[in-house]
C-alpha atoms as a PDB file:
ATOM      1  CA  MET A   1       8.127  15.962 -30.682  1.00  0.00           C
ATOM      2  CA  ALA A   2       9.390  15.994 -34.256  1.00  0.00           C
ATOM      3  CA  TYR A   3      12.331  13.756 -35.110  1.00  0.00           C
ATOM      4  CA  VAL A   4      14.538  14.622 -38.071  1.00  0.00           C
ATOM      5  CA  SER A   5      14.573  10.940 -39.078  1.00  0.00           C
ATOM      6  CA  GLU A   6      10.763  10.741 -39.038  1.00  0.00           C
ATOM      7  CA  LEU A   7      10.455  13.882 -41.151  1.00  0.00           C
ATOM      8  CA  MET A   8      12.888  12.413 -43.669  1.00  0.00           C
ATOM      9  CA  ILE A   9      10.978   9.108 -43.776  1.00  0.00           C
ATOM     10  CA  ALA A  10       7.622  10.861 -44.072  1.00  0.00           C
ATOM     11  CA  HIS A  11       8.897  13.016 -46.955  1.00  0.00           C
ATOM     12  CA  PRO A  12      11.047  10.840 -49.230  1.00  0.00           C
ATOM     13  CA  GLU A  13      10.463  13.380 -51.980  1.00  0.00           C
ATOM     14  CA  ALA A  14      12.894  15.743 -50.202  1.00  0.00           C
ATOM     15  CA  LYS A  15      16.160  15.580 -52.125  1.00  0.00           C
ATOM     16  CA  SER A  16      17.983  18.481 -50.480  1.00  0.00           C
ATOM     17  CA  PHE A  17      18.605  20.038 -47.088  1.00  0.00           C
ATOM     18  CA  ALA A  18      16.684  23.107 -48.221  1.00  0.00           C
ATOM     19  CA  GLU A  19      13.613  20.955 -48.844  1.00  0.00           C
ATOM     20  CA  LEU A  20      14.009  19.313 -45.420  1.00  0.00           C
ATOM     21  CA  GLU A  21      14.050  22.784 -43.866  1.00  0.00           C
ATOM     22  CA  GLN A  22      10.598  23.400 -45.340  1.00  0.00           C
ATOM     23  CA  PHE A  23       9.225  20.244 -43.701  1.00  0.00           C
ATOM     24  CA  VAL A  24      10.838  21.176 -40.385  1.00  0.00           C
ATOM     25  CA  ALA A  25       9.168  24.593 -40.541  1.00  0.00           C
ATOM     26  CA  GLN A  26       5.834  22.975 -41.372  1.00  0.00           C
ATOM     27  CA  ALA A  27       6.136  20.641 -38.372  1.00  0.00           C
ATOM     28  CA  ALA A  28       6.567  23.686 -36.127  1.00  0.00           C
ATOM     29  CA  ARG A  29       3.586  25.446 -37.695  1.00  0.00           C
ATOM     30  CA  ASP A  30       1.544  22.259 -37.207  1.00  0.00           C
ATOM     31  CA  GLY A  31       2.102  22.470 -33.454  1.00  0.00           C
ATOM     32  CA  GLU A  32       5.230  20.423 -32.722  1.00  0.00           C
ATOM     33  CA  ILE A  33       7.094  22.036 -29.831  1.00  0.00           C
ATOM     34  CA  HIS A  34      10.358  20.075 -29.829  1.00  0.00           C
ATOM     35  CA  LEU A  35      12.753  19.061 -32.592  1.00  0.00           C
ATOM     36  CA  TYR A  36      15.013  16.083 -31.915  1.00  0.00           C
ATOM     37  CA  MET A  37      18.210  15.790 -33.969  1.00  0.00           C
ATOM     38  CA  ASP A  38      18.481  12.002 -34.050  1.00  0.00           C
ATOM     39  CA  VAL A  39      20.252  11.627 -37.414  1.00  0.00           C
ATOM     40  CA  LYS A  40      22.384  13.801 -39.669  1.00  0.00           C
ATOM     41  CA  PRO A  41      20.656  14.429 -42.999  1.00  0.00           C
ATOM     42  CA  GLU A  42      22.849  13.020 -45.757  1.00  0.00           C
ATOM     43  CA  TYR A  43      21.889  15.435 -48.518  1.00  0.00           C
ATOM     44  CA  PRO A  44      24.624  16.846 -50.767  1.00  0.00           C
ATOM     45  CA  ASP A  45      23.885  20.382 -49.518  1.00  0.00           C
ATOM     46  CA  THR A  46      23.776  19.605 -45.767  1.00  0.00           C
ATOM     47  CA  PRO A  47      25.836  22.319 -44.050  1.00  0.00           C
ATOM     48  CA  GLN A  48      28.403  21.611 -41.338  1.00  0.00           C
ATOM     49  CA  LYS A  49      26.280  23.288 -38.669  1.00  0.00           C
ATOM     50  CA  TRP A  50      23.076  21.591 -39.790  1.00  0.00           C
ATOM     51  CA  GLU A  51      21.697  21.292 -36.247  1.00  0.00           C
ATOM     52  CA  VAL A  52      21.837  25.058 -35.754  1.00  0.00           C
ATOM     53  CA  ARG A  53      20.159  25.687 -39.106  1.00  0.00           C
ATOM     54  CA  LEU A  54      17.304  23.276 -38.371  1.00  0.00           C
ATOM     55  CA  GLU A  55      16.800  24.735 -34.887  1.00  0.00           C
ATOM     56  CA  GLN A  56      16.599  28.232 -36.343  1.00  0.00           C
ATOM     57  CA  VAL A  57      14.105  27.175 -38.996  1.00  0.00           C
ATOM     58  CA  PHE A  58      12.007  25.303 -36.428  1.00  0.00           C
ATOM     59  CA  TYR A  59      11.848  28.062 -33.834  1.00  0.00           C
ATOM     60  CA  MET A  60      11.400  30.896 -36.311  1.00  0.00           C
ATOM     61  CA  ALA A  61       8.490  29.065 -37.955  1.00  0.00           C
ATOM     62  CA  GLU A  62       6.662  28.640 -34.660  1.00  0.00           C
ATOM     63  CA  ALA A  63       7.106  32.279 -33.657  1.00  0.00           C
ATOM     64  CA  PRO A  64       3.847  34.228 -33.732  1.00  0.00           C
ATOM     65  CA  ARG A  65       3.382  36.392 -36.808  1.00  0.00           C
ATOM     66  CA  LYS A  66       3.164  40.167 -36.315  1.00  0.00           C
END
């Protein structure tokens, strides 16, 4: 299980929500099967529906490539 807080701690170089999305996608590609939204990312560009965005990124990244 990937936690948003753990991804943020593991990647302090991420300075934007867009960068966090890349690490979320990588976690899915690395084999994580669940994403837990335990904290709201406090980046200046964090959208209102941030949970939906991260879920989409996570599940699209783990989808098999055609």
